[in-house]
Amino acid sequence: MINSIIKLIQLIIGFFLILPIACILPKQRGLTLFIGNGDGQFRDNVKYLYLQFYKFNPENLEFYFLTENHYVHKKLRQKQLPVLIYPRFLTFWKMLRASNIVVDNFAWRVIFKSCV
């Protein structure tokens, strides 16, 4: 019951507060976020597309791998790869401004970040 109430509150906040802000804020051209499966696992198609972006470093593109997993965040930072940890203010800001979001599957919408 408590989880249902929390999810309802998150949906209301997302729909009535964050969505209007996201619509008003201009998108940053070339800002791309990659979100892995589950809590931001670094695997599967998103991983390989992200690594190709890093390898070929497209001009005028800023990109990050977004994860909730602290282990993934730590490992990517150790390799000096662009990564953001969720939830943090900078991560929310990047999510609101991103012109492209690449996700592994549709399940990423289940948690609060779908509201952004």
C-alpha atoms as a PDB file:
ATOM      1  CA  MET A   1       0.000   0.000   0.000  1.00  0.00           C
ATOM      2  CA  ILE A   2       2.815   2.420   0.917  1.00  0.00           C
ATOM      3  CA  ASN A   3       4.643   1.675  -2.359  1.00  0.00           C
ATOM      4  CA  SER A   4       1.471   2.445  -4.323  1.00  0.00           C
ATOM      5  CA  ILE A   5       1.116   5.789  -2.550  1.00  0.00           C
ATOM      6  CA  ILE A   6       4.779   6.649  -3.177  1.00  0.00           C
ATOM      7  CA  LYS A   7       4.452   5.783  -6.879  1.00  0.00           C
ATOM      8  CA  LEU A   8       1.285   7.914  -7.108  1.00  0.00           C
ATOM      9  CA  ILE A   9       3.060  10.876  -5.479  1.00  0.00           C
ATOM     10  CA  GLN A  10       6.003  10.449  -7.874  1.00  0.00           C
ATOM     11  CA  LEU A  11       3.627  10.367 -10.837  1.00  0.00           C
ATOM     12  CA  ILE A  12       1.829  13.507  -9.676  1.00  0.00           C
ATOM     13  CA  ILE A  13       5.112  15.365  -9.082  1.00  0.00           C
ATOM     14  CA  GLY A  14       6.422  14.238 -12.458  1.00  0.00           C
ATOM     15  CA  PHE A  15       3.282  15.106 -14.376  1.00  0.00           C
ATOM     16  CA  PHE A  16       2.436  18.450 -12.766  1.00  0.00           C
ATOM     17  CA  LEU A  17       5.878  19.785 -11.870  1.00  0.00           C
ATOM     18  CA  ILE A  18       8.714  18.154 -13.790  1.00  0.00           C
ATOM     19  CA  LEU A  19       6.975  17.626 -17.151  1.00  0.00           C
ATOM     20  CA  PRO A  20       6.066  21.318 -17.554  1.00  0.00           C
ATOM     21  CA  ILE A  21       9.613  22.324 -16.603  1.00  0.00           C
ATOM     22  CA  ALA A  22      11.017  19.817 -19.114  1.00  0.00           C
ATOM     23  CA  CYS A  23       8.787  21.255 -21.832  1.00  0.00           C
ATOM     24  CA  ILE A  24       9.845  24.839 -21.101  1.00  0.00           C
ATOM     25  CA  LEU A  25      13.599  24.269 -20.805  1.00  0.00           C
ATOM     26  CA  PRO A  26      15.416  24.336 -24.119  1.00  0.00           C
ATOM     27  CA  LYS A  27      17.125  21.088 -25.029  1.00  0.00           C
ATOM     28  CA  GLN A  28      20.894  21.079 -25.373  1.00  0.00           C
ATOM     29  CA  ARG A  29      21.654  20.055 -28.907  1.00  0.00           C
ATOM     30  CA  GLY A  30      23.920  17.013 -28.985  1.00  0.00           C
ATOM     31  CA  LEU A  31      23.465  16.058 -25.317  1.00  0.00           C
ATOM     32  CA  THR A  32      22.863  12.298 -25.255  1.00  0.00           C
ATOM     33  CA  LEU A  33      22.225  10.093 -22.231  1.00  0.00           C
ATOM     34  CA  PHE A  34      22.569   6.317 -22.278  1.00  0.00           C
ATOM     35  CA  ILE A  35      20.531   4.399 -19.701  1.00  0.00           C
ATOM     36  CA  GLY A  36      21.216   0.728 -19.117  1.00  0.00           C
ATOM     37  CA  ASN A  37      18.800  -1.996 -18.115  1.00  0.00           C
ATOM     38  CA  GLY A  38      17.488  -2.200 -14.546  1.00  0.00           C
ATOM     39  CA  ASP A  39      19.387   0.133 -12.244  1.00  0.00           C
ATOM     40  CA  GLY A  40      21.707   1.234 -15.039  1.00  0.00           C
ATOM     41  CA  GLN A  41      23.674  -1.924 -15.702  1.00  0.00           C
ATOM     42  CA  PHE A  42      26.550  -1.467 -18.126  1.00  0.00           C
ATOM     43  CA  ARG A  43      25.746  -4.223 -20.612  1.00  0.00           C
ATOM     44  CA  ASP A  44      23.973  -5.154 -23.826  1.00  0.00           C
ATOM     45  CA  ASN A  45      23.277  -2.830 -26.752  1.00  0.00           C
ATOM     46  CA  VAL A  46      23.402   0.431 -24.798  1.00  0.00           C
ATOM     47  CA  LYS A  47      26.885  -0.424 -23.534  1.00  0.00           C
ATOM     48  CA  TYR A  48      28.252  -1.046 -27.014  1.00  0.00           C
ATOM     49  CA  LEU A  49      26.635   2.013 -28.572  1.00  0.00           C
ATOM     50  CA  TYR A  50      27.982   4.153 -25.701  1.00  0.00           C
ATOM     51  CA  LEU A  51      31.481   2.719 -26.202  1.00  0.00           C
ATOM     52  CA  GLN A  52      31.272   3.478 -29.927  1.00  0.00           C
ATOM     53  CA  PHE A  53      30.359   7.086 -29.093  1.00  0.00           C
ATOM     54  CA  TYR A  54      33.378   7.220 -26.811  1.00  0.00           C
ATOM     55  CA  LYS A  55      35.696   5.561 -29.334  1.00  0.00           C
ATOM     56  CA  PHE A  56      34.772   7.802 -32.253  1.00  0.00           C
ATOM     57  CA  ASN A  57      34.043  10.858 -30.075  1.00  0.00           C
ATOM     58  CA  PRO A  58      31.513  12.613 -32.336  1.00  0.00           C
ATOM     59  CA  GLU A  59      32.123  16.339 -32.571  1.00  0.00           C
ATOM     60  CA  ASN A  60      29.781  18.699 -30.749  1.00  0.00           C
ATOM     61  CA  LEU A  61      28.251  15.835 -28.782  1.00  0.00           C
ATOM     62  CA  GLU A  62      28.209  15.593 -25.035  1.00  0.00           C
ATOM     63  CA  PHE A  63      27.201  12.178 -23.760  1.00  0.00           C
ATOM     64  CA  TYR A  64      26.998  10.268 -20.506  1.00  0.00           C
ATOM     65  CA  PHE A  65      26.106   6.828 -19.242  1.00  0.00           C
ATOM     66  CA  LEU A  66      23.432   7.284 -16.570  1.00  0.00           C
ATOM     67  CA  THR A  67      23.279   4.722 -13.777  1.00  0.00           C
ATOM     68  CA  GLU A  68      21.874   4.219 -10.283  1.00  0.00           C
ATOM     69  CA  ASN A  69      24.399   1.469  -9.635  1.00  0.00           C
ATOM     70  CA  HIS A  70      27.307   2.788  -7.560  1.00  0.00           C
ATOM     71  CA  TYR A  71      29.604  -0.042  -8.655  1.00  0.00           C
ATOM     72  CA  VAL A  72      29.010   0.767 -12.351  1.00  0.00           C
ATOM     73  CA  HIS A  73      29.514   4.473 -11.637  1.00  0.00           C
ATOM     74  CA  LYS A  74      32.803   3.801  -9.836  1.00  0.00           C
ATOM     75  CA  LYS A  75      34.160   1.502 -12.575  1.00  0.00           C
ATOM     76  CA  LEU A  76      33.310   3.919 -15.406  1.00  0.00           C
ATOM     77  CA  ARG A  77      34.860   6.851 -13.509  1.00  0.00           C
ATOM     78  CA  GLN A  78      38.024   4.808 -12.948  1.00  0.00           C
ATOM     79  CA  LYS A  79      38.268   4.383 -16.714  1.00  0.00           C
ATOM     80  CA  GLN A  80      37.614   8.127 -17.130  1.00  0.00           C
ATOM     81  CA  LEU A  81      34.406   7.544 -19.080  1.00  0.00           C
ATOM     82  CA  PRO A  82      31.620  10.150 -18.925  1.00  0.00           C
ATOM     83  CA  VAL A  83      29.094   8.862 -16.382  1.00  0.00           C
ATOM     84  CA  LEU A  84      26.353  10.304 -14.178  1.00  0.00           C
ATOM     85  CA  ILE A  85      24.892   8.787 -11.013  1.00  0.00           C
ATOM     86  CA  TYR A  86      21.159   8.963 -10.386  1.00  0.00           C
ATOM     87  CA  PRO A  87      19.696  10.675  -8.387  1.00  0.00           C
ATOM     88  CA  ARG A  88      21.772  13.834  -8.190  1.00  0.00           C
ATOM     89  CA  PHE A  89      20.909  17.411  -9.094  1.00  0.00           C
ATOM     90  CA  LEU A  90      23.354  17.475 -12.030  1.00  0.00           C
ATOM     91  CA  THR A  91      21.841  14.243 -13.342  1.00  0.00           C
ATOM     92  CA  PHE A  92      18.302  15.674 -13.172  1.00  0.00           C
ATOM     93  CA  TRP A  93      19.507  18.799 -14.947  1.00  0.00           C
ATOM     94  CA  LYS A  94      21.145  16.766 -17.725  1.00  0.00           C
ATOM     95  CA  MET A  95      18.003  14.635 -18.060  1.00  0.00           C
ATOM     96  CA  LEU A  96      15.844  17.730 -18.457  1.00  0.00           C
ATOM     97  CA  ARG A  97      18.191  19.231 -21.053  1.00  0.00           C
ATOM     98  CA  ALA A  98      19.079  16.094 -23.059  1.00  0.00           C
ATOM     99  CA  SER A  99      18.056  16.123 -26.692  1.00  0.00           C
ATOM    100  CA  ASN A 100      18.564  12.336 -26.978  1.00  0.00           C
ATOM    101  CA  ILE A 101      18.049   9.529 -24.489  1.00  0.00           C
ATOM    102  CA  VAL A 102      19.046   6.001 -25.460  1.00  0.00           C
ATOM    103  CA  VAL A 103      17.530   3.286 -23.267  1.00  0.00           C
ATOM    104  CA  ASP A 104      18.053  -0.458 -23.219  1.00  0.00           C
ATOM    105  CA  ASN A 105      14.362  -1.254 -22.880  1.00  0.00           C
ATOM    106  CA  PHE A 106      11.054   0.254 -21.917  1.00  0.00           C
ATOM    107  CA  ALA A 107      11.326  -0.776 -18.244  1.00  0.00           C
ATOM    108  CA  TRP A 108      13.342   2.346 -17.351  1.00  0.00           C
ATOM    109  CA  ARG A 109      10.032   4.241 -17.205  1.00  0.00           C
ATOM    110  CA  VAL A 110       8.902   2.212 -14.187  1.00  0.00           C
ATOM    111  CA  ILE A 111      10.911   4.288 -11.729  1.00  0.00           C
ATOM    112  CA  PHE A 112      10.909   8.011 -10.978  1.00  0.00           C
ATOM    113  CA  LYS A 113      13.347   8.979 -13.703  1.00  0.00           C
ATOM    114  CA  SER A 114      10.512   8.445 -16.201  1.00  0.00           C
ATOM    115  CA  CYS A 115       8.975  11.617 -14.860  1.00  0.00           C
ATOM    116  CA  VAL A 116      11.972  13.616 -16.043  1.00  0.00           C
END
